[in-house]
Amino acid sequence: QVQLVESGGGLVQAGDSLRLSCAASGSTFSSYMMGWFRQAPGKDRDFVARITASGGSPYYADSVKGRFTISRDNAKNMMYLQMNSLKPEDTAVYYCAARGSFDWNAWGQGTQVTVSS
C-alpha cells in the first residue's frame, strides 16, 4: 500500500498563495488516482480535488474551482495542490489520499493551512 506525507501548509493572509505537496512511497504511485481533502475544525472531511493516475481529468469542488490546481509528477512520486486567492474559509487540515479499487484507502497525516483575514 502507498504511504503518503503532506507538506507545505502554513499561515497566510487572505489573497495569498500556497503550494501543498504530497510525497508517496511504498507502492506504484503512478497506478493510483490521487486526491486532496480538507477538514475544518468541527466539520467533516470534504473533497477538494482529484486527478487520474496518468495526471489527466482534474476535478474540483465548486468551492475551490478556478483558485486551486491539482497536479502530479509520477516520475517523482509527487502530487501538488497550488492554492491561489486563499480565503479564510479555506482554513483546514489538508490531506492527500490515494484511491484503491473501491474507495480512498490511503491517507497522509495532514498539513495545516490557516488563512487570516
Protein backbone atom coordinates (compact mmCIF):
# COMPACT_ATOMS: atom_id res chain seq x y z
CA GLN A 1 0.00 0.00 0.00
CA VAL A 2 1.19 3.51 -0.70
CA GLN A 3 2.39 5.77 2.14
CA LEU A 4 1.69 9.49 1.88
CA VAL A 5 3.26 12.55 3.54
CA GLU A 6 1.93 16.08 3.06
CA SER A 7 3.93 19.29 3.41
CA GLY A 8 3.69 22.96 2.54
CA GLY A 9 0.98 24.18 4.89
CA GLY A 10 1.28 27.36 6.89
CA LEU A 11 -0.24 30.64 8.00
CA VAL A 12 -1.01 33.12 5.22
CA GLN A 13 -3.21 36.14 4.67
CA ALA A 14 -6.34 36.23 2.56
CA GLY A 15 -5.43 36.56 -1.11
CA ASP A 16 -2.08 34.81 -0.73
CA SER A 17 -0.99 31.55 -2.34
CA LEU A 18 0.39 28.26 -1.05
CA ARG A 19 1.51 25.05 -2.71
CA LEU A 20 0.95 21.80 -0.89
CA SER A 21 2.99 18.73 -1.71
CA CYS A 22 2.26 15.05 -1.18
CA ALA A 23 5.16 12.59 -1.30
CA ALA A 24 4.32 8.96 -1.97
CA SER A 25 6.30 5.80 -1.27
CA GLY A 26 5.88 2.08 -0.86
CA SER A 27 3.85 1.23 -3.92
CA THR A 28 3.33 2.11 -7.55
CA PHE A 29 2.26 5.72 -7.26
CA SER A 30 1.51 6.04 -10.94
CA SER A 31 -1.24 3.43 -10.70
CA TYR A 32 -3.37 5.41 -8.23
CA MET A 33 -5.95 8.07 -8.68
CA MET A 34 -4.97 10.75 -6.14
CA GLY A 35 -6.92 13.40 -4.32
CA TRP A 36 -6.88 16.23 -1.81
CA PHE A 37 -9.34 16.55 1.02
CA ARG A 38 -9.67 19.04 3.87
CA GLN A 39 -11.19 19.16 7.32
CA ALA A 40 -12.04 22.37 9.11
CA PRO A 41 -12.47 22.42 12.90
CA GLY A 42 -15.76 20.84 13.92
CA LYS A 43 -16.62 19.80 10.38
CA ASP A 44 -16.49 16.65 8.28
CA ARG A 45 -13.63 15.92 5.90
CA ASP A 46 -14.52 17.34 2.49
CA PHE A 47 -13.35 16.56 -1.00
CA VAL A 48 -11.20 19.26 -2.62
CA ALA A 49 -9.76 17.88 -5.87
CA ARG A 50 -8.69 14.69 -7.59
CA ILE A 51 -6.56 13.67 -10.54
CA THR A 52 -6.35 10.43 -12.50
CA ALA A 53 -3.39 8.06 -12.33
CA SER A 54 -1.97 9.45 -15.58
CA GLY A 55 -2.43 13.07 -14.50
CA GLY A 56 -5.48 13.87 -16.55
CA SER A 57 -9.08 14.90 -15.89
CA PRO A 58 -8.62 17.08 -12.82
CA TYR A 59 -11.85 17.59 -10.93
CA TYR A 60 -12.56 20.18 -8.25
CA ALA A 61 -15.06 21.01 -5.58
CA ASP A 62 -17.10 24.05 -6.54
CA SER A 63 -15.68 25.95 -3.58
CA VAL A 64 -12.13 25.86 -4.98
CA LYS A 65 -12.74 25.75 -8.73
CA GLY A 66 -10.76 28.44 -10.51
CA ARG A 67 -8.49 29.05 -7.50
CA PHE A 68 -6.84 25.66 -6.84
CA THR A 69 -4.90 23.47 -9.27
CA ILE A 70 -4.06 19.82 -8.68
CA SER A 71 -1.11 18.21 -10.45
CA ARG A 72 1.23 15.26 -10.13
CA ASP A 73 4.68 14.16 -11.22
CA ASN A 74 4.72 10.38 -11.48
CA ALA A 75 8.47 10.34 -12.12
CA LYS A 76 9.00 11.92 -8.69
CA ASN A 77 6.13 10.18 -6.87
CA MET A 78 4.70 13.59 -6.00
CA MET A 79 1.33 15.31 -6.09
CA TYR A 80 0.68 19.01 -5.62
CA LEU A 81 -2.10 21.42 -4.82
CA GLN A 82 -1.49 25.01 -5.90
CA MET A 83 -3.83 27.24 -3.93
CA ASN A 84 -4.32 30.83 -5.07
CA SER A 85 -6.56 33.63 -3.83
CA LEU A 86 -6.88 31.93 -0.47
CA LYS A 87 -9.85 32.80 1.72
CA PRO A 88 -10.36 32.42 5.47
CA GLU A 89 -12.86 29.66 4.75
CA ASP A 90 -10.05 27.64 3.19
CA THR A 91 -8.59 27.20 6.69
CA ALA A 92 -8.39 23.46 7.39
CA VAL A 93 -6.13 20.48 7.72
CA TYR A 94 -5.40 19.28 4.19
CA TYR A 95 -4.94 15.59 3.45
CA CYS A 96 -3.74 13.78 0.39
CA ALA A 97 -5.25 10.40 -0.41
CA ALA A 98 -4.86 7.50 -2.81
CA ARG A 99 -7.84 5.72 -4.25
CA GLY A 100 -7.92 1.95 -4.32
CA SER A 101 -10.35 -0.19 -6.26
CA PHE A 102 -13.40 0.95 -4.30
CA ASP A 103 -12.55 3.87 -2.03
CA TRP A 104 -9.94 6.30 -0.76
CA ASN A 105 -7.93 3.91 1.36
CA ALA A 106 -4.55 5.54 1.94
CA TRP A 107 -4.19 8.86 3.74
CA GLY A 108 -1.43 11.17 4.82
CA GLN A 109 -1.19 12.72 8.26
CA GLY A 110 -2.37 16.13 7.09
CA THR A 111 -0.91 19.62 6.89
CA GLN A 112 -2.48 22.70 8.48
CA VAL A 113 -3.45 25.66 6.31
CA THR A 114 -4.57 28.80 8.13
CA VAL A 115 -5.77 31.85 6.23
CA SER A 116 -6.17 35.05 8.21
CA SER A 117 -8.50 37.85 7.13
